[in-house]
Amino acid sequence: MGRQAKLRKNRAAAEKSPKTQEQSDSTQFVRQLNRQGYNLQEIQHSPEIPDSKVDPQV
């Protein structure tokens, strides 16, 4: 079986059995982050980067 025939076969099989999309609620992402140990109410932001470049002291 050649490469083109394999591609045609795979495409035909994909068309016959459409993939079902899972219904997910809008809070699933938040719950998943909470399970991983992150709390969105107590976000710790990174420190601000200074705008000016500091010259090294020699």
C-alpha atoms as a PDB file:
ATOM      1  CA  MET A   1       0.000   0.000   0.000  1.00  0.00           C
ATOM      2  CA  GLY A   2       1.462   3.346  -1.006  1.00  0.00           C
ATOM      3  CA  ARG A   3       1.636   6.534   0.983  1.00  0.00           C
ATOM      4  CA  GLN A   4      -1.259   8.196  -0.834  1.00  0.00           C
ATOM      5  CA  ALA A   5      -3.481   5.153  -0.326  1.00  0.00           C
ATOM      6  CA  LYS A   6      -2.742   5.144   3.393  1.00  0.00           C
ATOM      7  CA  LEU A   7      -3.608   8.835   3.620  1.00  0.00           C
ATOM      8  CA  ARG A   8      -6.892   8.288   1.766  1.00  0.00           C
ATOM      9  CA  LYS A   9      -7.738   5.361   4.030  1.00  0.00           C
ATOM     10  CA  ASN A  10      -7.034   7.391   7.181  1.00  0.00           C
ATOM     11  CA  ARG A  11      -9.081  10.350   5.927  1.00  0.00           C
ATOM     12  CA  ALA A  12     -12.012   8.098   5.029  1.00  0.00           C
ATOM     13  CA  ALA A  13     -11.910   6.460   8.461  1.00  0.00           C
ATOM     14  CA  ALA A  14     -11.827   9.877  10.142  1.00  0.00           C
ATOM     15  CA  GLU A  15     -14.879  11.047   8.192  1.00  0.00           C
ATOM     16  CA  LYS A  16     -16.894   7.943   9.083  1.00  0.00           C
ATOM     17  CA  SER A  17     -16.381   8.231  12.825  1.00  0.00           C
ATOM     18  CA  PRO A  18     -16.593  11.881  13.889  1.00  0.00           C
ATOM     19  CA  LYS A  19     -14.922  12.639  17.186  1.00  0.00           C
ATOM     20  CA  THR A  20     -17.249  13.562  20.011  1.00  0.00           C
ATOM     21  CA  GLN A  21     -16.449  16.755  21.810  1.00  0.00           C
ATOM     22  CA  GLU A  22     -16.715  16.576  25.557  1.00  0.00           C
ATOM     23  CA  GLN A  23     -18.990  19.087  27.203  1.00  0.00           C
ATOM     24  CA  SER A  24     -16.888  20.928  29.758  1.00  0.00           C
ATOM     25  CA  ASP A  25     -18.119  23.562  32.129  1.00  0.00           C
ATOM     26  CA  SER A  26     -16.488  26.961  32.466  1.00  0.00           C
ATOM     27  CA  THR A  27     -15.073  26.272  35.930  1.00  0.00           C
ATOM     28  CA  GLN A  28     -13.191  23.119  34.976  1.00  0.00           C
ATOM     29  CA  PHE A  29      -9.979  25.103  34.372  1.00  0.00           C
ATOM     30  CA  VAL A  30     -10.175  26.754  37.796  1.00  0.00           C
ATOM     31  CA  ARG A  31     -10.853  23.457  39.553  1.00  0.00           C
ATOM     32  CA  GLN A  32      -7.914  21.856  37.762  1.00  0.00           C
ATOM     33  CA  LEU A  33      -5.592  24.670  38.897  1.00  0.00           C
ATOM     34  CA  ASN A  34      -6.855  24.314  42.468  1.00  0.00           C
ATOM     35  CA  ARG A  35      -6.072  20.592  42.382  1.00  0.00           C
ATOM     36  CA  GLN A  36      -2.531  21.433  41.242  1.00  0.00           C
ATOM     37  CA  GLY A  37      -2.040  23.700  44.262  1.00  0.00           C
ATOM     38  CA  TYR A  38      -2.687  27.138  42.786  1.00  0.00           C
ATOM     39  CA  ASN A  39      -5.151  29.525  44.374  1.00  0.00           C
ATOM     40  CA  LEU A  40      -6.495  32.226  42.081  1.00  0.00           C
ATOM     41  CA  GLN A  41      -7.654  34.426  44.969  1.00  0.00           C
ATOM     42  CA  GLU A  42      -4.119  34.665  46.394  1.00  0.00           C
ATOM     43  CA  ILE A  43      -2.038  35.265  43.277  1.00  0.00           C
ATOM     44  CA  GLN A  44       1.604  36.096  43.933  1.00  0.00           C
ATOM     45  CA  HIS A  45       2.729  38.425  41.173  1.00  0.00           C
ATOM     46  CA  SER A  46       6.306  38.534  39.975  1.00  0.00           C
ATOM     47  CA  PRO A  47       8.402  41.543  41.000  1.00  0.00           C
ATOM     48  CA  GLU A  48       8.426  44.526  38.664  1.00  0.00           C
ATOM     49  CA  ILE A  49      11.370  44.890  36.299  1.00  0.00           C
ATOM     50  CA  PRO A  50      13.127  48.255  36.689  1.00  0.00           C
ATOM     51  CA  ASP A  51      12.832  50.620  33.717  1.00  0.00           C
ATOM     52  CA  SER A  52      16.362  51.987  33.978  1.00  0.00           C
ATOM     53  CA  LYS A  53      19.486  49.902  33.533  1.00  0.00           C
ATOM     54  CA  VAL A  54      21.713  49.820  36.603  1.00  0.00           C
ATOM     55  CA  ASP A  55      25.442  50.229  35.911  1.00  0.00           C
ATOM     56  CA  PRO A  56      27.635  47.721  37.756  1.00  0.00           C
ATOM     57  CA  GLN A  57      29.904  49.085  40.469  1.00  0.00           C
ATOM     58  CA  VAL A  58      33.546  48.267  40.014  1.00  0.00           C
END
